[in-house]
Amino acid sequence: MLAQDIIIRPVITEQSMTQAQDKKYTFIVAKNSNKTEIKKAVQEIFKVKVEKVNTMNYAGKTKRMGKNEGKTSSFKKAVVTLTAASKEIEFFGV
């Protein structure tokens, strides 16, 4: 599996941006990927050194709008902590 297939997209929320100041970055990742694959993919894509990876699995929820019922997608989220000597990841060209 390629690194681009493992890291789907970054999570841009108020909490994840606060954690980014401590070199913790949040990504939506492939559901079948493990911590080692996620670590290698982040190091390859962003050219940084990863200290640890925490993963969370989220189940899809049932949603209703009147008589219509559907289900949101399940996904896997990873919080990647970089080493102190590593450079920061720039999501935006700021």
PDB file of N, CA and C in Angstrom:
ATOM      1  N   MET A   1       0.843  -1.179   0.000  1.00  0.00           N
ATOM      2  CA  MET A   1       0.000   0.000   0.000  1.00  0.00           C
ATOM      3  C   MET A   1       0.888   1.242   0.000  1.00  0.00           C
ATOM      4  N   LEU A   2       0.543   2.211  -0.841  1.00  0.00           N
ATOM      5  CA  LEU A   2       1.312   3.447  -0.933  1.00  0.00           C
ATOM      6  C   LEU A   2       1.016   4.379   0.236  1.00  0.00           C
ATOM      7  N   ALA A   3       1.958   5.268   0.515  1.00  0.00           N
ATOM      8  CA  ALA A   3       1.787   6.214   1.619  1.00  0.00           C
ATOM      9  C   ALA A   3       0.579   7.114   1.386  1.00  0.00           C
ATOM     10  N   GLN A   4       0.325   7.487   0.131  1.00  0.00           N
ATOM     11  CA  GLN A   4      -0.822   8.342  -0.186  1.00  0.00           C
ATOM     12  C   GLN A   4      -2.141   7.614   0.001  1.00  0.00           C
ATOM     13  N   ASP A   5      -2.135   6.286  -0.036  1.00  0.00           N
ATOM     14  CA  ASP A   5      -3.344   5.504   0.203  1.00  0.00           C
ATOM     15  C   ASP A   5      -3.636   5.366   1.694  1.00  0.00           C
ATOM     16  N   ILE A   6      -2.612   5.466   2.526  1.00  0.00           N
ATOM     17  CA  ILE A   6      -2.782   5.312   3.968  1.00  0.00           C
ATOM     18  C   ILE A   6      -3.288   6.603   4.598  1.00  0.00           C
ATOM     19  N   ILE A   7      -2.641   7.732   4.286  1.00  0.00           N
ATOM     20  CA  ILE A   7      -3.047   9.034   4.821  1.00  0.00           C
ATOM     21  C   ILE A   7      -4.101   9.607   3.874  1.00  0.00           C
ATOM     22  N   ILE A   8      -5.351   9.684   4.324  1.00  0.00           N
ATOM     23  CA  ILE A   8      -6.436  10.155   3.466  1.00  0.00           C
ATOM     24  C   ILE A   8      -6.519  11.676   3.473  1.00  0.00           C
ATOM     25  N   ARG A   9      -6.615  12.270   4.678  1.00  0.00           N
ATOM     26  CA  ARG A   9      -6.676  13.735   4.774  1.00  0.00           C
ATOM     27  C   ARG A   9      -6.394  14.168   6.199  1.00  0.00           C
ATOM     28  N   PRO A  10      -5.943  15.410   6.379  1.00  0.00           N
ATOM     29  CA  PRO A  10      -5.770  15.921   7.746  1.00  0.00           C
ATOM     30  C   PRO A  10      -7.114  16.341   8.330  1.00  0.00           C
ATOM     31  N   VAL A  11      -7.197  16.346   9.651  1.00  0.00           N
ATOM     32  CA  VAL A  11      -8.389  16.815  10.353  1.00  0.00           C
ATOM     33  C   VAL A  11      -8.119  18.254  10.777  1.00  0.00           C
ATOM     34  N   ILE A  12      -8.928  19.192  10.276  1.00  0.00           N
ATOM     35  CA  ILE A  12      -8.749  20.608  10.575  1.00  0.00           C
ATOM     36  C   ILE A  12      -9.889  21.047  11.487  1.00  0.00           C
ATOM     37  N   THR A  13      -9.645  21.002  12.798  1.00  0.00           N
ATOM     38  CA  THR A  13     -10.618  21.454  13.780  1.00  0.00           C
ATOM     39  C   THR A  13      -9.891  22.361  14.771  1.00  0.00           C
ATOM     40  N   GLU A  14     -10.655  22.999  15.624  1.00  0.00           N
ATOM     41  CA  GLU A  14     -10.051  23.875  16.619  1.00  0.00           C
ATOM     42  C   GLU A  14      -9.131  23.077  17.558  1.00  0.00           C
ATOM     43  N   GLN A  15      -9.572  21.914  17.974  1.00  0.00           N
ATOM     44  CA  GLN A  15      -8.766  21.093  18.878  1.00  0.00           C
ATOM     45  C   GLN A  15      -7.496  20.584  18.192  1.00  0.00           C
ATOM     46  N   SER A  16      -7.606  20.145  16.946  1.00  0.00           N
ATOM     47  CA  SER A  16      -6.419  19.620  16.266  1.00  0.00           C
ATOM     48  C   SER A  16      -5.411  20.735  15.969  1.00  0.00           C
ATOM     49  N   MET A  17      -5.875  21.942  15.726  1.00  0.00           N
ATOM     50  CA  MET A  17      -4.962  23.062  15.499  1.00  0.00           C
ATOM     51  C   MET A  17      -4.264  23.468  16.801  1.00  0.00           C
ATOM     52  N   THR A  18      -4.946  23.323  17.925  1.00  0.00           N
ATOM     53  CA  THR A  18      -4.323  23.587  19.222  1.00  0.00           C
ATOM     54  C   THR A  18      -3.245  22.545  19.509  1.00  0.00           C
ATOM     55  N   GLN A  19      -3.527  21.293  19.190  1.00  0.00           N
ATOM     56  CA  GLN A  19      -2.549  20.227  19.399  1.00  0.00           C
ATOM     57  C   GLN A  19      -1.356  20.371  18.453  1.00  0.00           C
ATOM     58  N   ALA A  20      -1.547  20.985  17.292  1.00  0.00           N
ATOM     59  CA  ALA A  20      -0.464  21.144  16.323  1.00  0.00           C
ATOM     60  C   ALA A  20       0.665  21.999  16.893  1.00  0.00           C
ATOM     61  N   GLN A  21       0.350  22.873  17.836  1.00  0.00           N
ATOM     62  CA  GLN A  21       1.391  23.679  18.476  1.00  0.00           C
ATOM     63  C   GLN A  21       2.322  22.804  19.311  1.00  0.00           C
ATOM     64  N   ASP A  22       1.831  21.645  19.775  1.00  0.00           N
ATOM     65  CA  ASP A  22       2.637  20.688  20.534  1.00  0.00           C
ATOM     66  C   ASP A  22       3.190  19.582  19.642  1.00  0.00           C
ATOM     67  N   LYS A  23       3.180  19.804  18.321  1.00  0.00           N
ATOM     68  CA  LYS A  23       3.652  18.842  17.313  1.00  0.00           C
ATOM     69  C   LYS A  23       2.851  17.545  17.323  1.00  0.00           C
ATOM     70  N   LYS A  24       1.531  17.670  17.530  1.00  0.00           N
ATOM     71  CA  LYS A  24       0.614  16.534  17.415  1.00  0.00           C
ATOM     72  C   LYS A  24      -0.339  16.847  16.266  1.00  0.00           C
ATOM     73  N   TYR A  25      -0.360  15.988  15.263  1.00  0.00           N
ATOM     74  CA  TYR A  25      -1.162  16.213  14.072  1.00  0.00           C
ATOM     75  C   TYR A  25      -2.165  15.079  13.898  1.00  0.00           C
ATOM     76  N   THR A  26      -3.380  15.418  13.478  1.00  0.00           N
ATOM     77  CA  THR A  26      -4.467  14.456  13.364  1.00  0.00           C
ATOM     78  C   THR A  26      -4.787  14.207  11.892  1.00  0.00           C
ATOM     79  N   PHE A  27      -4.935  12.939  11.534  1.00  0.00           N
ATOM     80  CA  PHE A  27      -5.236  12.536  10.158  1.00  0.00           C
ATOM     81  C   PHE A  27      -6.342  11.502  10.150  1.00  0.00           C
ATOM     82  N   ILE A  28      -7.153  11.511   9.081  1.00  0.00           N
ATOM     83  CA  ILE A  28      -8.044  10.399   8.774  1.00  0.00           C
ATOM     84  C   ILE A  28      -7.203   9.432   7.948  1.00  0.00           C
ATOM     85  N   VAL A  29      -7.179   8.164   8.369  1.00  0.00           N
ATOM     86  CA  VAL A  29      -6.327   7.178   7.707  1.00  0.00           C
ATOM     87  C   VAL A  29      -7.167   5.998   7.225  1.00  0.00           C
ATOM     88  N   ALA A  30      -6.555   5.145   6.414  1.00  0.00           N
ATOM     89  CA  ALA A  30      -7.230   3.948   5.917  1.00  0.00           C
ATOM     90  C   ALA A  30      -7.581   3.035   7.089  1.00  0.00           C
ATOM     91  N   LYS A  31      -8.775   2.446   7.046  1.00  0.00           N
ATOM     92  CA  LYS A  31      -9.260   1.631   8.163  1.00  0.00           C
ATOM     93  C   LYS A  31      -8.420   0.382   8.400  1.00  0.00           C
ATOM     94  N   ASN A  32      -7.780  -0.138   7.362  1.00  0.00           N
ATOM     95  CA  ASN A  32      -7.011  -1.376   7.513  1.00  0.00           C
ATOM     96  C   ASN A  32      -5.531  -1.123   7.779  1.00  0.00           C
ATOM     97  N   SER A  33      -5.129   0.132   8.026  1.00  0.00           N
ATOM     98  CA  SER A  33      -3.720   0.439   8.285  1.00  0.00           C
ATOM     99  C   SER A  33      -3.404   0.303   9.772  1.00  0.00           C
ATOM    100  N   ASN A  34      -2.152  -0.022  10.069  1.00  0.00           N
ATOM    101  CA  ASN A  34      -1.736  -0.131  11.467  1.00  0.00           C
ATOM    102  C   ASN A  34      -0.792   1.017  11.816  1.00  0.00           C
ATOM    103  N   LYS A  35      -0.369   1.086  13.085  1.00  0.00           N
ATOM    104  CA  LYS A  35       0.438   2.208  13.552  1.00  0.00           C
ATOM    105  C   LYS A  35       1.782   2.300  12.835  1.00  0.00           C
ATOM    106  N   THR A  36       2.399   1.177  12.551  1.00  0.00           N
ATOM    107  CA  THR A  36       3.691   1.170  11.870  1.00  0.00           C
ATOM    108  C   THR A  36       3.564   1.724  10.457  1.00  0.00           C
ATOM    109  N   GLU A  37       2.525   1.320   9.731  1.00  0.00           N
ATOM    110  CA  GLU A  37       2.303   1.819   8.373  1.00  0.00           C
ATOM    111  C   GLU A  37       2.012   3.321   8.387  1.00  0.00           C
ATOM    112  N   ILE A  38       1.239   3.779   9.361  1.00  0.00           N
ATOM    113  CA  ILE A  38       0.912   5.199   9.460  1.00  0.00           C
ATOM    114  C   ILE A  38       2.173   6.008   9.737  1.00  0.00           C
ATOM    115  N   LYS A  39       3.012   5.518  10.636  1.00  0.00           N
ATOM    116  CA  LYS A  39       4.274   6.202  10.966  1.00  0.00           C
ATOM    117  C   LYS A  39       5.165   6.336   9.735  1.00  0.00           C
ATOM    118  N   LYS A  40       5.336   5.249   8.992  1.00  0.00           N
ATOM    119  CA  LYS A  40       6.170   5.284   7.786  1.00  0.00           C
ATOM    120  C   LYS A  40       5.593   6.208   6.729  1.00  0.00           C
ATOM    121  N   ALA A  41       4.267   6.216   6.581  1.00  0.00           N
ATOM    122  CA  ALA A  41       3.627   7.057   5.577  1.00  0.00           C
ATOM    123  C   ALA A  41       3.804   8.543   5.888  1.00  0.00           C
ATOM    124  N   VAL A  42       3.622   8.935   7.155  1.00  0.00           N
ATOM    125  CA  VAL A  42       3.790  10.337   7.537  1.00  0.00           C
ATOM    126  C   VAL A  42       5.237  10.767   7.347  1.00  0.00           C
ATOM    127  N   GLN A  43       6.177   9.911   7.735  1.00  0.00           N
ATOM    128  CA  GLN A  43       7.596  10.234   7.560  1.00  0.00           C
ATOM    129  C   GLN A  43       7.948  10.389   6.088  1.00  0.00           C
ATOM    130  N   GLU A  44       7.371   9.553   5.230  1.00  0.00           N
ATOM    131  CA  GLU A  44       7.666   9.612   3.795  1.00  0.00           C
ATOM    132  C   GLU A  44       7.044  10.836   3.128  1.00  0.00           C
ATOM    133  N   ILE A  45       5.786  11.131   3.445  1.00  0.00           N
ATOM    134  CA  ILE A  45       5.081  12.228   2.780  1.00  0.00           C
ATOM    135  C   ILE A  45       5.600  13.586   3.233  1.00  0.00           C
ATOM    136  N   PHE A  46       5.739  13.782   4.549  1.00  0.00           N
ATOM    137  CA  PHE A  46       6.060  15.101   5.090  1.00  0.00           C
ATOM    138  C   PHE A  46       7.529  15.278   5.445  1.00  0.00           C
ATOM    139  N   LYS A  47       8.355  14.247   5.306  1.00  0.00           N
ATOM    140  CA  LYS A  47       9.796  14.314   5.598  1.00  0.00           C
ATOM    141  C   LYS A  47      10.055  14.795   7.024  1.00  0.00           C
ATOM    142  N   VAL A  48       9.397  14.145   7.990  1.00  0.00           N
ATOM    143  CA  VAL A  48       9.544  14.458   9.402  1.00  0.00           C
ATOM    144  C   VAL A  48       9.871  13.172  10.164  1.00  0.00           C
ATOM    145  N   LYS A  49      10.204  13.306  11.443  1.00  0.00           N
ATOM    146  CA  LYS A  49      10.495  12.160  12.298  1.00  0.00           C
ATOM    147  C   LYS A  49       9.346  11.987  13.285  1.00  0.00           C
ATOM    148  N   VAL A  50       8.704  10.813  13.287  1.00  0.00           N
ATOM    149  CA  VAL A  50       7.543  10.544  14.123  1.00  0.00           C
ATOM    150  C   VAL A  50       7.986   9.831  15.398  1.00  0.00           C
ATOM    151  N   GLU A  51       7.493  10.322  16.540  1.00  0.00           N
ATOM    152  CA  GLU A  51       7.804   9.696  17.829  1.00  0.00           C
ATOM    153  C   GLU A  51       6.806   8.594  18.155  1.00  0.00           C
ATOM    154  N   LYS A  52       5.483   8.892  18.058  1.00  0.00           N
ATOM    155  CA  LYS A  52       4.477   7.876  18.346  1.00  0.00           C
ATOM    156  C   LYS A  52       3.192   8.170  17.587  1.00  0.00           C
ATOM    157  N   VAL A  53       2.344   7.125  17.502  1.00  0.00           N
ATOM    158  CA  VAL A  53       1.071   7.215  16.792  1.00  0.00           C
ATOM    159  C   VAL A  53      -0.022   6.635  17.687  1.00  0.00           C
ATOM    160  N   ASN A  54      -1.114   7.380  17.862  1.00  0.00           N
ATOM    161  CA  ASN A  54      -2.301   6.887  18.560  1.00  0.00           C
ATOM    162  C   ASN A  54      -3.433   6.796  17.554  1.00  0.00           C
ATOM    163  N   THR A  55      -4.172   5.674  17.557  1.00  0.00           N
ATOM    164  CA  THR A  55      -5.256   5.499  16.598  1.00  0.00           C
ATOM    165  C   THR A  55      -6.583   5.313  17.322  1.00  0.00           C
ATOM    166  N   MET A  56      -7.667   5.741  16.638  1.00  0.00           N
ATOM    167  CA  MET A  56      -9.021   5.595  17.154  1.00  0.00           C
ATOM    168  C   MET A  56      -9.927   5.152  16.011  1.00  0.00           C
ATOM    169  N   ASN A  57     -10.776   4.149  16.274  1.00  0.00           N
ATOM    170  CA  ASN A  57     -11.755   3.699  15.293  1.00  0.00           C
ATOM    171  C   ASN A  57     -13.115   4.270  15.651  1.00  0.00           C
ATOM    172  N   TYR A  58     -13.784   4.852  14.667  1.00  0.00           N
ATOM    173  CA  TYR A  58     -15.106   5.429  14.865  1.00  0.00           C
ATOM    174  C   TYR A  58     -16.116   4.641  14.047  1.00  0.00           C
ATOM    175  N   ALA A  59     -17.191   4.193  14.687  1.00  0.00           N
ATOM    176  CA  ALA A  59     -18.265   3.466  14.001  1.00  0.00           C
ATOM    177  C   ALA A  59     -19.212   4.478  13.372  1.00  0.00           C
ATOM    178  N   GLY A  60     -19.814   4.113  12.255  1.00  0.00           N
ATOM    179  CA  GLY A  60     -20.797   4.973  11.616  1.00  0.00           C
ATOM    180  C   GLY A  60     -22.059   5.079  12.457  1.00  0.00           C
ATOM    181  N   LYS A  61     -22.686   6.242  12.399  1.00  0.00           N
ATOM    182  CA  LYS A  61     -23.894   6.466  13.187  1.00  0.00           C
ATOM    183  C   LYS A  61     -25.116   6.472  12.281  1.00  0.00           C
ATOM    184  N   THR A  62     -26.243   6.032  12.817  1.00  0.00           N
ATOM    185  CA  THR A  62     -27.502   6.089  12.091  1.00  0.00           C
ATOM    186  C   THR A  62     -28.091   7.480  12.250  1.00  0.00           C
ATOM    187  N   LYS A  63     -28.471   8.093  11.135  1.00  0.00           N
ATOM    188  CA  LYS A  63     -29.047   9.435  11.142  1.00  0.00           C
ATOM    189  C   LYS A  63     -30.426   9.367  10.489  1.00  0.00           C
ATOM    190  N   ARG A  64     -31.360  10.158  11.026  1.00  0.00           N
ATOM    191  CA  ARG A  64     -32.702  10.206  10.463  1.00  0.00           C
ATOM    192  C   ARG A  64     -33.097  11.637  10.165  1.00  0.00           C
ATOM    193  N   MET A  65     -33.784  11.829   9.046  1.00  0.00           N
ATOM    194  CA  MET A  65     -34.376  13.112   8.689  1.00  0.00           C
ATOM    195  C   MET A  65     -35.810  12.803   8.290  1.00  0.00           C
ATOM    196  N   GLY A  66     -36.716  12.867   9.265  1.00  0.00           N
ATOM    197  CA  GLY A  66     -38.100  12.485   9.000  1.00  0.00           C
ATOM    198  C   GLY A  66     -38.199  10.987   8.819  1.00  0.00           C
ATOM    199  N   LYS A  67     -38.776  10.575   7.699  1.00  0.00           N
ATOM    200  CA  LYS A  67     -38.899   9.132   7.458  1.00  0.00           C
ATOM    201  C   LYS A  67     -37.662   8.545   6.787  1.00  0.00           C
ATOM    202  N   ASN A  68     -36.759   9.386   6.304  1.00  0.00           N
ATOM    203  CA  ASN A  68     -35.539   8.904   5.656  1.00  0.00           C
ATOM    204  C   ASN A  68     -34.498   8.542   6.710  1.00  0.00           C
ATOM    205  N   GLU A  69     -33.861   7.408   6.517  1.00  0.00           N
ATOM    206  CA  GLU A  69     -32.838   6.956   7.452  1.00  0.00           C
ATOM    207  C   GLU A  69     -31.595   6.560   6.673  1.00  0.00           C
ATOM    208  N   GLY A  70     -30.435   6.919   7.205  1.00  0.00           N
ATOM    209  CA  GLY A  70     -29.171   6.576   6.562  1.00  0.00           C
ATOM    210  C   GLY A  70     -28.106   6.335   7.608  1.00  0.00           C
ATOM    211  N   LYS A  71     -26.905   6.084   7.150  1.00  0.00           N
ATOM    212  CA  LYS A  71     -25.813   5.796   8.061  1.00  0.00           C
ATOM    213  C   LYS A  71     -24.576   6.551   7.586  1.00  0.00           C
ATOM    214  N   THR A  72     -23.878   7.190   8.534  1.00  0.00           N
ATOM    215  CA  THR A  72     -22.632   7.861   8.183  1.00  0.00           C
ATOM    216  C   THR A  72     -21.519   6.819   8.084  1.00  0.00           C
ATOM    217  N   SER A  73     -20.458   7.159   7.410  1.00  0.00           N
ATOM    218  CA  SER A  73     -19.354   6.228   7.210  1.00  0.00           C
ATOM    219  C   SER A  73     -18.543   6.053   8.486  1.00  0.00           C
ATOM    220  N   SER A  74     -18.048   4.854   8.693  1.00  0.00           N
ATOM    221  CA  SER A  74     -17.102   4.638   9.780  1.00  0.00           C
ATOM    222  C   SER A  74     -15.719   5.040   9.269  1.00  0.00           C
ATOM    223  N   PHE A  75     -14.824   5.421  10.194  1.00  0.00           N
ATOM    224  CA  PHE A  75     -13.491   5.851   9.796  1.00  0.00           C
ATOM    225  C   PHE A  75     -12.498   5.609  10.922  1.00  0.00           C
ATOM    226  N   LYS A  76     -11.218   5.756  10.578  1.00  0.00           N
ATOM    227  CA  LYS A  76     -10.141   5.603  11.544  1.00  0.00           C
ATOM    228  C   LYS A  76      -9.365   6.908  11.587  1.00  0.00           C
ATOM    229  N   LYS A  77      -9.061   7.358  12.798  1.00  0.00           N
ATOM    230  CA  LYS A  77      -8.344   8.618  12.991  1.00  0.00           C
ATOM    231  C   LYS A  77      -7.024   8.320  13.690  1.00  0.00           C
ATOM    232  N   ALA A  78      -5.954   9.016  13.293  1.00  0.00           N
ATOM    233  CA  ALA A  78      -4.646   8.827  13.908  1.00  0.00           C
ATOM    234  C   ALA A  78      -4.106  10.171  14.378  1.00  0.00           C
ATOM    235  N   VAL A  79      -3.600  10.203  15.618  1.00  0.00           N
ATOM    236  CA  VAL A  79      -2.916  11.383  16.147  1.00  0.00           C
ATOM    237  C   VAL A  79      -1.430  11.046  16.153  1.00  0.00           C
ATOM    238  N   VAL A  80      -0.660  11.799  15.362  1.00  0.00           N
ATOM    239  CA  VAL A  80       0.761  11.540  15.171  1.00  0.00           C
ATOM    240  C   VAL A  80       1.554  12.579  15.958  1.00  0.00           C
ATOM    241  N   THR A  81       2.446  12.124  16.837  1.00  0.00           N
ATOM    242  CA  THR A  81       3.305  13.011  17.617  1.00  0.00           C
ATOM    243  C   THR A  81       4.698  12.994  17.000  1.00  0.00           C
ATOM    244  N   LEU A  82       5.217  14.180  16.699  1.00  0.00           N
ATOM    245  CA  LEU A  82       6.551  14.298  16.116  1.00  0.00           C
ATOM    246  C   LEU A  82       7.596  14.460  17.211  1.00  0.00           C
ATOM    247  N   THR A  83       8.853  14.158  16.881  1.00  0.00           N
ATOM    248  CA  THR A  83       9.941  14.348  17.835  1.00  0.00           C
ATOM    249  C   THR A  83      10.208  15.836  18.018  1.00  0.00           C
ATOM    250  N   ALA A  84      10.878  16.181  19.105  1.00  0.00           N
ATOM    251  CA  ALA A  84      11.165  17.592  19.398  1.00  0.00           C
ATOM    252  C   ALA A  84      12.084  18.209  18.352  1.00  0.00           C
ATOM    253  N   ALA A  85      12.985  17.420  17.774  1.00  0.00           N
ATOM    254  CA  ALA A  85      13.933  17.930  16.788  1.00  0.00           C
ATOM    255  C   ALA A  85      13.340  18.022  15.388  1.00  0.00           C
ATOM    256  N   SER A  86      12.175  17.455  15.178  1.00  0.00           N
ATOM    257  CA  SER A  86      11.561  17.416  13.850  1.00  0.00           C
ATOM    258  C   SER A  86      10.953  18.763  13.488  1.00  0.00           C
ATOM    259  N   LYS A  87      10.909  19.043  12.166  1.00  0.00           N
ATOM    260  CA  LYS A  87      10.265  20.282  11.719  1.00  0.00           C
ATOM    261  C   LYS A  87       8.746  20.123  11.776  1.00  0.00           C
ATOM    262  N   GLU A  88       8.026  21.243  11.720  1.00  0.00           N
ATOM    263  CA  GLU A  88       6.573  21.198  11.775  1.00  0.00           C
ATOM    264  C   GLU A  88       5.984  20.910  10.418  1.00  0.00           C
ATOM    265  N   ILE A  89       4.767  20.368  10.397  1.00  0.00           N
ATOM    266  CA  ILE A  89       4.055  20.082   9.155  1.00  0.00           C
ATOM    267  C   ILE A  89       3.205  21.309   8.824  1.00  0.00           C
ATOM    268  N   GLU A  90       3.329  21.796   7.590  1.00  0.00           N
ATOM    269  CA  GLU A  90       2.557  22.961   7.147  1.00  0.00           C
ATOM    270  C   GLU A  90       1.408  22.471   6.276  1.00  0.00           C
ATOM    271  N   PHE A  91       0.152  22.613   6.772  1.00  0.00           N
ATOM    272  CA  PHE A  91      -1.015  22.235   5.994  1.00  0.00           C
ATOM    273  C   PHE A  91      -1.372  23.327   4.996  1.00  0.00           C
ATOM    274  N   PHE A  92      -1.142  24.578   5.372  1.00  0.00           N
ATOM    275  CA  PHE A  92      -1.483  25.707   4.537  1.00  0.00           C
ATOM    276  C   PHE A  92      -0.197  26.465   4.224  1.00  0.00           C
ATOM    277  N   GLY A  93      -0.140  27.106   3.095  1.00  0.00           N
ATOM    278  CA  GLY A  93       1.031  27.895   2.718  1.00  0.00           C
ATOM    279  C   GLY A  93       1.039  29.239   3.438  1.00  0.00           C
ATOM    280  N   VAL A  94       1.140  29.236   4.760  1.00  0.00           N
ATOM    281  CA  VAL A  94       1.093  30.469   5.561  1.00  0.00           C
ATOM    282  C   VAL A  94       2.457  31.086   5.633  1.00  0.00           C
TER     283      VAL A  94
END
